């Protein structure tokens, strides 16, 4: 029973992280399409990851400021 609870908790955590990453990616596609297009065109993901990290950081900062 302990393993079943642990696996459900792990699945929930992975699902929340995947949803958060997907939402941030969609937000970045809407707000900064040039960076996404350049990353796809050149094959370099570094600018995309940097912008994605910036979006996640800003969202977390704003949520903590609200609380």
C-alpha atoms as a PDB file:
ATOM      1  CA  UNK A   1       0.000   0.000   0.000  1.00  0.00           C
ATOM      2  CA  UNK A   2       2.883   2.340   0.716  1.00  0.00           C
ATOM      3  CA  UNK A   3       4.316   1.914  -2.778  1.00  0.00           C
ATOM      4  CA  UNK A   4       0.949   2.650  -4.372  1.00  0.00           C
ATOM      5  CA  UNK A   5       0.610   5.925  -2.476  1.00  0.00           C
ATOM      6  CA  UNK A   6       4.149   6.909  -3.365  1.00  0.00           C
ATOM      7  CA  UNK A   7       3.626   6.194  -7.058  1.00  0.00           C
ATOM      8  CA  UNK A   8       0.395   8.212  -7.135  1.00  0.00           C
ATOM      9  CA  UNK A   9       2.188  11.104  -5.460  1.00  0.00           C
ATOM     10  CA  UNK A  10       5.058  10.877  -7.950  1.00  0.00           C
ATOM     11  CA  UNK A  11       2.630  10.770 -10.874  1.00  0.00           C
ATOM     12  CA  UNK A  12       0.789  13.809  -9.529  1.00  0.00           C
ATOM     13  CA  UNK A  13       4.005  15.769  -9.170  1.00  0.00           C
ATOM     14  CA  UNK A  14       5.139  14.908 -12.690  1.00  0.00           C
ATOM     15  CA  UNK A  15       1.696  15.796 -14.073  1.00  0.00           C
ATOM     16  CA  UNK A  16       1.704  19.196 -12.356  1.00  0.00           C
ATOM     17  CA  UNK A  17       5.218  19.966 -13.590  1.00  0.00           C
ATOM     18  CA  UNK A  18       4.301  18.926 -17.144  1.00  0.00           C
ATOM     19  CA  UNK A  19       1.195  21.114 -17.080  1.00  0.00           C
ATOM     20  CA  UNK A  20       3.208  24.056 -15.734  1.00  0.00           C
ATOM     21  CA  UNK A  21       5.853  23.658 -18.438  1.00  0.00           C
ATOM     22  CA  UNK A  22       3.214  23.319 -21.166  1.00  0.00           C
ATOM     23  CA  UNK A  23       1.401  26.428 -19.965  1.00  0.00           C
ATOM     24  CA  UNK A  24       4.619  28.441 -19.850  1.00  0.00           C
ATOM     25  CA  UNK A  25       5.532  27.254 -23.347  1.00  0.00           C
ATOM     26  CA  UNK A  26       2.156  28.314 -24.714  1.00  0.00           C
ATOM     27  CA  UNK A  27       2.480  31.671 -22.959  1.00  0.00           C
ATOM     28  CA  UNK A  28       5.923  32.141 -24.513  1.00  0.00           C
ATOM     29  CA  UNK A  29       4.571  31.233 -27.958  1.00  0.00           C
ATOM     30  CA  UNK A  30       1.931  33.932 -27.605  1.00  0.00           C
ATOM     31  CA  UNK A  31       4.064  36.671 -26.038  1.00  0.00           C
ATOM     32  CA  UNK A  32       7.447  36.154 -27.738  1.00  0.00           C
ATOM     33  CA  UNK A  33       7.027  34.238 -30.997  1.00  0.00           C
ATOM     34  CA  UNK A  34      10.275  35.578 -32.478  1.00  0.00           C
ATOM     35  CA  UNK A  35      12.433  33.774 -29.909  1.00  0.00           C
ATOM     36  CA  UNK A  36      10.533  30.550 -30.454  1.00  0.00           C
ATOM     37  CA  UNK A  37      10.786  30.860 -34.242  1.00  0.00           C
ATOM     38  CA  UNK A  38      14.522  31.549 -34.081  1.00  0.00           C
ATOM     39  CA  UNK A  39      15.059  28.577 -31.783  1.00  0.00           C
ATOM     40  CA  UNK A  40      13.155  26.290 -34.141  1.00  0.00           C
ATOM     41  CA  UNK A  41      14.892  27.684 -37.222  1.00  0.00           C
ATOM     42  CA  UNK A  42      18.447  27.476 -35.895  1.00  0.00           C
ATOM     43  CA  UNK A  43      17.996  24.355 -33.782  1.00  0.00           C
ATOM     44  CA  UNK A  44      19.453  26.031 -30.698  1.00  0.00           C
ATOM     45  CA  UNK A  45      17.256  25.703 -27.647  1.00  0.00           C
ATOM     46  CA  UNK A  46      19.295  27.909 -25.320  1.00  0.00           C
ATOM     47  CA  UNK A  47      17.408  31.176 -26.037  1.00  0.00           C
ATOM     48  CA  UNK A  48      14.090  29.357 -25.739  1.00  0.00           C
ATOM     49  CA  UNK A  49      15.056  27.774 -22.409  1.00  0.00           C
ATOM     50  CA  UNK A  50      16.301  31.104 -21.080  1.00  0.00           C
ATOM     51  CA  UNK A  51      13.032  32.816 -21.988  1.00  0.00           C
ATOM     52  CA  UNK A  52      11.049  29.917 -20.553  1.00  0.00           C
ATOM     53  CA  UNK A  53      12.964  30.147 -17.283  1.00  0.00           C
ATOM     54  CA  UNK A  54      12.327  33.883 -17.217  1.00  0.00           C
ATOM     55  CA  UNK A  55       8.588  33.361 -17.692  1.00  0.00           C
ATOM     56  CA  UNK A  56       8.468  30.769 -14.907  1.00  0.00           C
ATOM     57  CA  UNK A  57      10.523  32.990 -12.585  1.00  0.00           C
ATOM     58  CA  UNK A  58       8.291  35.994 -13.208  1.00  0.00           C
ATOM     59  CA  UNK A  59       5.148  33.950 -12.629  1.00  0.00           C
ATOM     60  CA  UNK A  60       6.504  32.524  -9.370  1.00  0.00           C
ATOM     61  CA  UNK A  61       7.643  35.966  -8.215  1.00  0.00           C
ATOM     62  CA  UNK A  62       4.223  37.474  -8.940  1.00  0.00           C
ATOM     63  CA  UNK A  63       2.421  34.636  -7.167  1.00  0.00           C
ATOM     64  CA  UNK A  64       4.603  35.038  -4.078  1.00  0.00           C
ATOM     65  CA  UNK A  65       4.111  38.812  -4.144  1.00  0.00           C
ATOM     66  CA  UNK A  66       0.353  38.255  -4.259  1.00  0.00           C
ATOM     67  CA  UNK A  67       0.470  35.940  -1.234  1.00  0.00           C
END
